[in-house]
Amino acid sequence: MRVNRRKDFIVGGYLPRGTKFDSVLVSYFDARDLRYAGSVRGGFTPSSREALFAAFPKLECPDCPFVNLPDESKDRWGTGITFEKMAGCRWVKPRIVVTIDFLEWTLDDRLRHAFFVEQRKDQPAKSVVRE
């Protein structure tokens, strides 16, 4: 039996695809540092994808907000955010909180099998930490 974990994370960027996004890059606060936790691609409905994407333009920023990117190398599945892949990312100010289901934390402190559940408008981003 598979049992997922559920936690709130902060959106710090996204990978664009066409007129929307392919995946969001989520994170948490470690003291004052924003730490990248993983890329979330699944779980979005058309309406949740559109609502989340509508918030991005007013929060876009030129610099990567994560202290632990780029990844030194690709991960085991070739999905790490390397320096080359960062060139295609769009960054946003860490204000949007989302709930994510995931299987586990990897040894590299990344989310495994993560998918979107909902956007949280009642949760302040500063309160999102790794437990």
N, C-alpha and C. Protein backbone atom coordinates (compact mmCIF):
# COMPACT_ATOMS: atom_id res chain seq x y z
N MET A 1 0.84 -1.18 0.00
CA MET A 1 0.00 0.00 0.00
C MET A 1 0.89 1.24 0.00
N ARG A 2 0.63 2.14 -0.91
CA ARG A 2 1.40 3.38 -1.00
C ARG A 2 0.74 4.45 -0.16
N VAL A 3 1.53 5.10 0.67
CA VAL A 3 1.04 6.18 1.50
C VAL A 3 1.84 7.44 1.18
N ASN A 4 1.18 8.45 0.66
CA ASN A 4 1.85 9.70 0.33
C ASN A 4 1.90 10.62 1.53
N ARG A 5 2.87 11.52 1.48
CA ARG A 5 2.97 12.59 2.46
C ARG A 5 2.38 13.84 1.82
N ARG A 6 1.97 14.77 2.65
CA ARG A 6 1.40 16.03 2.15
C ARG A 6 2.00 17.18 2.92
N LYS A 7 2.43 18.21 2.18
CA LYS A 7 3.07 19.35 2.81
C LYS A 7 2.88 20.59 1.95
N ASP A 8 2.93 21.74 2.60
CA ASP A 8 2.89 23.01 1.88
C ASP A 8 4.30 23.40 1.45
N PHE A 9 4.39 23.97 0.24
CA PHE A 9 5.64 24.45 -0.32
C PHE A 9 5.40 25.81 -0.96
N ILE A 10 6.49 26.48 -1.30
CA ILE A 10 6.43 27.81 -1.92
C ILE A 10 6.89 27.68 -3.36
N VAL A 11 6.15 28.31 -4.28
CA VAL A 11 6.56 28.33 -5.68
C VAL A 11 7.62 29.42 -5.84
N GLY A 12 8.77 29.03 -6.40
CA GLY A 12 9.86 29.99 -6.61
C GLY A 12 10.22 30.14 -8.08
N GLY A 13 9.56 29.36 -8.93
CA GLY A 13 9.82 29.44 -10.36
C GLY A 13 9.00 28.42 -11.11
N TYR A 14 9.15 28.45 -12.42
CA TYR A 14 8.44 27.49 -13.27
C TYR A 14 9.18 27.31 -14.58
N LEU A 15 8.87 26.20 -15.23
CA LEU A 15 9.41 25.93 -16.56
C LEU A 15 8.29 26.18 -17.56
N PRO A 16 8.44 27.19 -18.40
CA PRO A 16 7.37 27.51 -19.36
C PRO A 16 7.22 26.44 -20.43
N ARG A 17 6.00 26.34 -20.93
CA ARG A 17 5.71 25.45 -22.06
C ARG A 17 4.53 26.04 -22.81
N GLY A 18 4.78 26.46 -24.01
CA GLY A 18 3.72 27.10 -24.80
C GLY A 18 3.24 28.36 -24.12
N THR A 19 1.94 28.48 -23.94
CA THR A 19 1.38 29.67 -23.31
C THR A 19 1.12 29.47 -21.82
N LYS A 20 1.52 28.36 -21.25
CA LYS A 20 1.33 28.08 -19.81
C LYS A 20 2.66 27.64 -19.22
N PHE A 21 2.63 26.65 -18.34
CA PHE A 21 3.86 26.13 -17.77
C PHE A 21 3.85 24.60 -17.79
N ASP A 22 5.05 24.05 -17.82
CA ASP A 22 5.21 22.60 -17.80
C ASP A 22 5.25 22.09 -16.36
N SER A 23 6.01 22.77 -15.50
CA SER A 23 6.10 22.37 -14.10
C SER A 23 6.46 23.58 -13.24
N VAL A 24 6.15 23.48 -11.96
CA VAL A 24 6.51 24.54 -11.02
C VAL A 24 7.66 24.04 -10.15
N LEU A 25 8.51 24.96 -9.73
CA LEU A 25 9.65 24.65 -8.88
C LEU A 25 9.30 25.08 -7.47
N VAL A 26 9.26 24.12 -6.56
CA VAL A 26 8.79 24.41 -5.21
C VAL A 26 9.94 24.37 -4.20
N SER A 27 9.68 25.02 -3.06
CA SER A 27 10.74 25.23 -2.08
C SER A 27 10.16 25.39 -0.68
N TYR A 28 11.07 25.60 0.27
CA TYR A 28 10.70 25.86 1.65
C TYR A 28 11.77 26.77 2.25
N PHE A 29 11.47 27.41 3.35
CA PHE A 29 12.45 28.26 4.02
C PHE A 29 13.25 27.44 5.02
N ASP A 30 14.56 27.66 5.00
CA ASP A 30 15.50 27.10 5.97
C ASP A 30 16.19 28.32 6.58
N ALA A 31 15.73 28.73 7.75
CA ALA A 31 16.12 30.02 8.34
C ALA A 31 15.67 31.10 7.36
N ARG A 32 16.60 31.87 6.80
CA ARG A 32 16.21 32.93 5.84
C ARG A 32 16.43 32.50 4.39
N ASP A 33 16.96 31.31 4.20
CA ASP A 33 17.27 30.81 2.86
C ASP A 33 16.10 30.05 2.27
N LEU A 34 15.88 30.26 0.98
CA LEU A 34 14.84 29.52 0.25
C LEU A 34 15.52 28.34 -0.43
N ARG A 35 15.14 27.13 -0.06
CA ARG A 35 15.76 25.91 -0.57
C ARG A 35 14.84 25.21 -1.57
N TYR A 36 15.38 24.94 -2.75
CA TYR A 36 14.67 24.21 -3.79
C TYR A 36 14.40 22.78 -3.31
N ALA A 37 13.15 22.33 -3.46
CA ALA A 37 12.77 20.99 -3.02
C ALA A 37 12.43 20.06 -4.19
N GLY A 38 12.00 20.62 -5.32
CA GLY A 38 11.68 19.77 -6.44
C GLY A 38 10.80 20.44 -7.47
N SER A 39 10.62 19.71 -8.55
CA SER A 39 9.79 20.16 -9.66
C SER A 39 8.49 19.37 -9.64
N VAL A 40 7.37 20.07 -9.78
CA VAL A 40 6.07 19.41 -9.73
C VAL A 40 5.38 19.62 -11.07
N ARG A 41 5.05 18.50 -11.70
CA ARG A 41 4.44 18.56 -13.03
C ARG A 41 3.01 18.03 -13.03
N GLY A 42 2.72 17.08 -12.19
CA GLY A 42 1.42 16.42 -12.21
C GLY A 42 0.44 16.96 -11.20
N GLY A 43 -0.82 16.57 -11.37
CA GLY A 43 -1.87 16.93 -10.43
C GLY A 43 -2.67 18.16 -10.79
N PHE A 44 -2.25 18.89 -11.80
CA PHE A 44 -2.94 20.12 -12.17
C PHE A 44 -4.17 19.83 -13.03
N THR A 45 -5.25 20.51 -12.73
CA THR A 45 -6.41 20.51 -13.63
C THR A 45 -6.25 21.72 -14.53
N PRO A 46 -6.98 21.79 -15.63
CA PRO A 46 -6.87 22.99 -16.46
C PRO A 46 -7.16 24.28 -15.69
N SER A 47 -8.15 24.25 -14.81
CA SER A 47 -8.49 25.48 -14.07
C SER A 47 -7.43 25.82 -13.00
N SER A 48 -6.87 24.81 -12.33
CA SER A 48 -5.85 25.11 -11.32
C SER A 48 -4.56 25.59 -11.99
N ARG A 49 -4.24 25.03 -13.16
CA ARG A 49 -3.06 25.48 -13.91
C ARG A 49 -3.24 26.94 -14.35
N GLU A 50 -4.42 27.27 -14.84
CA GLU A 50 -4.68 28.63 -15.29
C GLU A 50 -4.65 29.63 -14.14
N ALA A 51 -5.25 29.27 -13.00
CA ALA A 51 -5.27 30.17 -11.85
C ALA A 51 -3.86 30.42 -11.32
N LEU A 52 -3.05 29.39 -11.26
CA LEU A 52 -1.68 29.55 -10.79
C LEU A 52 -0.86 30.37 -11.77
N PHE A 53 -1.01 30.08 -13.05
CA PHE A 53 -0.25 30.81 -14.07
C PHE A 53 -0.61 32.28 -14.10
N ALA A 54 -1.85 32.63 -13.79
CA ALA A 54 -2.29 34.03 -13.79
C ALA A 54 -1.57 34.86 -12.73
N ALA A 55 -1.10 34.22 -11.67
CA ALA A 55 -0.41 34.94 -10.60
C ALA A 55 1.07 35.20 -10.92
N PHE A 56 1.64 34.50 -11.86
CA PHE A 56 3.08 34.60 -12.13
C PHE A 56 3.54 35.95 -12.68
N PRO A 57 2.87 36.57 -13.65
CA PRO A 57 3.41 37.79 -14.24
C PRO A 57 3.72 38.91 -13.23
N LYS A 58 2.86 39.11 -12.25
CA LYS A 58 3.10 40.20 -11.30
C LYS A 58 4.17 39.85 -10.26
N LEU A 59 4.59 38.58 -10.20
CA LEU A 59 5.61 38.16 -9.23
C LEU A 59 6.95 37.82 -9.87
N GLU A 60 7.06 37.93 -11.19
CA GLU A 60 8.30 37.55 -11.86
C GLU A 60 9.47 38.40 -11.39
N CYS A 61 10.64 37.76 -11.29
CA CYS A 61 11.87 38.45 -10.91
C CYS A 61 13.02 37.89 -11.76
N PRO A 62 14.09 38.65 -11.92
CA PRO A 62 15.16 38.22 -12.83
C PRO A 62 16.10 37.15 -12.28
N ASP A 63 16.19 37.02 -10.96
CA ASP A 63 17.18 36.13 -10.37
C ASP A 63 16.56 34.92 -9.70
N CYS A 64 17.30 33.83 -9.70
CA CYS A 64 16.88 32.59 -9.04
C CYS A 64 16.80 32.83 -7.53
N PRO A 65 15.66 32.53 -6.90
CA PRO A 65 15.53 32.77 -5.47
C PRO A 65 16.10 31.65 -4.58
N PHE A 66 16.51 30.53 -5.18
CA PHE A 66 16.95 29.36 -4.41
C PHE A 66 18.45 29.42 -4.12
N VAL A 67 18.84 29.12 -2.88
CA VAL A 67 20.25 29.12 -2.52
C VAL A 67 20.97 27.85 -2.94
N ASN A 68 20.23 26.78 -3.22
CA ASN A 68 20.86 25.50 -3.54
C ASN A 68 20.75 25.10 -5.02
N LEU A 69 20.62 26.08 -5.90
CA LEU A 69 20.65 25.82 -7.34
C LEU A 69 21.76 26.65 -7.96
N PRO A 70 22.37 26.18 -9.02
CA PRO A 70 22.06 24.98 -9.79
C PRO A 70 22.56 23.72 -9.11
N ASP A 71 21.94 22.59 -9.51
CA ASP A 71 22.41 21.29 -9.04
C ASP A 71 23.77 21.04 -9.67
N GLU A 72 24.66 20.42 -8.91
CA GLU A 72 26.00 20.15 -9.43
C GLU A 72 25.95 19.23 -10.65
N SER A 73 25.03 18.30 -10.65
CA SER A 73 24.90 17.38 -11.77
C SER A 73 23.46 16.93 -11.87
N LYS A 74 23.15 16.28 -12.95
CA LYS A 74 21.80 15.74 -13.11
C LYS A 74 21.59 14.65 -12.08
N ASP A 75 20.35 14.51 -11.64
CA ASP A 75 20.08 13.43 -10.70
C ASP A 75 20.01 12.11 -11.45
N ARG A 76 19.70 11.09 -10.75
CA ARG A 76 19.68 9.74 -11.30
C ARG A 76 18.76 9.58 -12.51
N TRP A 77 17.69 10.39 -12.58
CA TRP A 77 16.75 10.32 -13.69
C TRP A 77 17.00 11.41 -14.73
N GLY A 78 18.06 12.19 -14.54
CA GLY A 78 18.38 13.23 -15.51
C GLY A 78 17.50 14.45 -15.42
N THR A 79 16.89 14.69 -14.27
CA THR A 79 15.94 15.79 -14.15
C THR A 79 16.42 16.92 -13.24
N GLY A 80 17.68 16.89 -12.83
CA GLY A 80 18.20 17.95 -11.96
C GLY A 80 18.17 19.30 -12.66
N ILE A 81 18.09 20.36 -11.87
CA ILE A 81 18.10 21.72 -12.43
C ILE A 81 19.55 22.17 -12.52
N THR A 82 20.18 21.88 -13.64
CA THR A 82 21.57 22.26 -13.88
C THR A 82 21.63 23.71 -14.34
N PHE A 83 22.84 24.23 -14.45
CA PHE A 83 23.03 25.61 -14.91
C PHE A 83 22.41 25.81 -16.29
N GLU A 84 22.56 24.83 -17.17
CA GLU A 84 22.00 24.93 -18.52
C GLU A 84 20.47 24.97 -18.48
N LYS A 85 19.88 24.14 -17.64
CA LYS A 85 18.42 24.08 -17.55
C LYS A 85 17.86 25.35 -16.91
N MET A 86 18.64 25.98 -16.03
CA MET A 86 18.19 27.21 -15.37
C MET A 86 17.94 28.34 -16.37
N ALA A 87 18.63 28.29 -17.50
CA ALA A 87 18.45 29.33 -18.51
C ALA A 87 17.02 29.37 -19.04
N GLY A 88 16.32 28.24 -19.00
CA GLY A 88 14.94 28.18 -19.47
C GLY A 88 13.91 28.40 -18.39
N CYS A 89 14.34 28.54 -17.16
CA CYS A 89 13.40 28.73 -16.04
C CYS A 89 12.97 30.18 -15.93
N ARG A 90 11.79 30.37 -15.41
CA ARG A 90 11.29 31.71 -15.06
C ARG A 90 11.18 31.75 -13.55
N TRP A 91 11.63 32.83 -12.95
CA TRP A 91 11.66 32.94 -11.49
C TRP A 91 10.55 33.85 -11.00
N VAL A 92 10.00 33.51 -9.85
CA VAL A 92 8.96 34.35 -9.23
C VAL A 92 9.32 34.58 -7.77
N LYS A 93 8.86 35.69 -7.25
CA LYS A 93 9.05 35.99 -5.83
C LYS A 93 8.33 34.93 -5.00
N PRO A 94 8.92 34.51 -3.90
CA PRO A 94 8.34 33.42 -3.10
C PRO A 94 7.12 33.88 -2.29
N ARG A 95 5.99 33.96 -2.94
CA ARG A 95 4.75 34.41 -2.29
C ARG A 95 3.61 33.39 -2.40
N ILE A 96 3.67 32.51 -3.40
CA ILE A 96 2.58 31.57 -3.65
C ILE A 96 2.83 30.26 -2.89
N VAL A 97 1.87 29.88 -2.07
CA VAL A 97 1.97 28.63 -1.31
C VAL A 97 1.05 27.59 -1.93
N VAL A 98 1.59 26.39 -2.12
CA VAL A 98 0.81 25.29 -2.70
C VAL A 98 0.96 24.06 -1.81
N THR A 99 -0.04 23.21 -1.83
CA THR A 99 0.03 21.93 -1.14
C THR A 99 0.43 20.87 -2.15
N ILE A 100 1.40 20.05 -1.76
CA ILE A 100 1.96 19.03 -2.63
C ILE A 100 1.89 17.68 -1.92
N ASP A 101 1.46 16.66 -2.63
CA ASP A 101 1.56 15.27 -2.17
C ASP A 101 2.84 14.70 -2.77
N PHE A 102 3.56 13.90 -1.99
CA PHE A 102 4.78 13.28 -2.49
C PHE A 102 5.02 11.98 -1.75
N LEU A 103 5.82 11.12 -2.35
CA LEU A 103 6.09 9.82 -1.75
C LEU A 103 7.11 9.92 -0.63
N GLU A 104 8.24 10.59 -0.91
CA GLU A 104 9.30 10.68 0.09
C GLU A 104 10.30 11.75 -0.29
N TRP A 105 11.21 12.03 0.65
CA TRP A 105 12.37 12.88 0.38
C TRP A 105 13.49 11.98 -0.10
N THR A 106 14.21 12.40 -1.14
CA THR A 106 15.35 11.63 -1.63
C THR A 106 16.57 11.95 -0.77
N LEU A 107 17.67 11.24 -1.01
CA LEU A 107 18.92 11.51 -0.29
C LEU A 107 19.47 12.90 -0.61
N ASP A 108 19.09 13.45 -1.76
CA ASP A 108 19.51 14.79 -2.17
C ASP A 108 18.57 15.88 -1.68
N ASP A 109 17.66 15.53 -0.76
CA ASP A 109 16.66 16.48 -0.24
C ASP A 109 15.75 17.02 -1.33
N ARG A 110 15.29 16.13 -2.20
CA ARG A 110 14.34 16.48 -3.25
C ARG A 110 13.08 15.65 -3.06
N LEU A 111 11.98 16.15 -3.57
CA LEU A 111 10.72 15.43 -3.49
C LEU A 111 10.68 14.32 -4.53
N ARG A 112 10.15 13.19 -4.16
CA ARG A 112 10.00 12.07 -5.09
C ARG A 112 8.53 11.83 -5.35
N HIS A 113 8.17 11.72 -6.61
CA HIS A 113 6.79 11.48 -7.05
C HIS A 113 5.84 12.55 -6.49
N ALA A 114 6.17 13.79 -6.78
CA ALA A 114 5.37 14.91 -6.26
C ALA A 114 4.26 15.28 -7.23
N PHE A 115 3.09 15.68 -6.67
CA PHE A 115 2.02 16.21 -7.50
C PHE A 115 1.21 17.25 -6.74
N PHE A 116 0.70 18.18 -7.51
CA PHE A 116 -0.03 19.33 -7.00
C PHE A 116 -1.39 18.92 -6.43
N VAL A 117 -1.75 19.53 -5.29
CA VAL A 117 -3.06 19.29 -4.68
C VAL A 117 -3.90 20.55 -4.75
N GLU A 118 -3.37 21.68 -4.23
CA GLU A 118 -4.13 22.93 -4.23
C GLU A 118 -3.24 24.12 -3.97
N GLN A 119 -3.75 25.29 -4.30
CA GLN A 119 -3.08 26.53 -3.95
C GLN A 119 -3.66 27.02 -2.63
N ARG A 120 -2.79 27.47 -1.73
CA ARG A 120 -3.22 27.92 -0.41
C ARG A 120 -3.16 29.44 -0.35
N LYS A 121 -4.28 30.08 -0.20
CA LYS A 121 -4.30 31.54 -0.10
C LYS A 121 -4.32 31.99 1.36
N ASP A 122 -4.50 31.04 2.28
CA ASP A 122 -4.59 31.36 3.70
C ASP A 122 -3.27 31.16 4.44
N GLN A 123 -2.24 30.70 3.77
CA GLN A 123 -0.98 30.35 4.41
C GLN A 123 0.10 31.36 3.98
N PRO A 124 0.74 32.06 4.92
CA PRO A 124 1.83 32.96 4.55
C PRO A 124 3.08 32.17 4.16
N ALA A 125 3.77 32.62 3.13
CA ALA A 125 4.95 31.91 2.63
C ALA A 125 6.04 31.80 3.68
N LYS A 126 6.23 32.80 4.50
CA LYS A 126 7.29 32.77 5.51
C LYS A 126 7.12 31.63 6.52
N SER A 127 5.93 31.09 6.64
CA SER A 127 5.69 30.02 7.61
C SER A 127 6.00 28.64 7.06
N VAL A 128 6.37 28.53 5.79
CA VAL A 128 6.61 27.23 5.16
C VAL A 128 8.06 26.82 5.38
N VAL A 129 8.25 25.82 6.24
CA VAL A 129 9.57 25.29 6.55
C VAL A 129 9.54 23.77 6.41
N ARG A 130 10.70 23.18 6.36
CA ARG A 130 10.75 21.71 6.32
C ARG A 130 10.66 21.17 7.74
N GLU A 131 9.77 20.25 7.95
CA GLU A 131 9.57 19.68 9.28
C GLU A 131 10.39 18.44 9.49
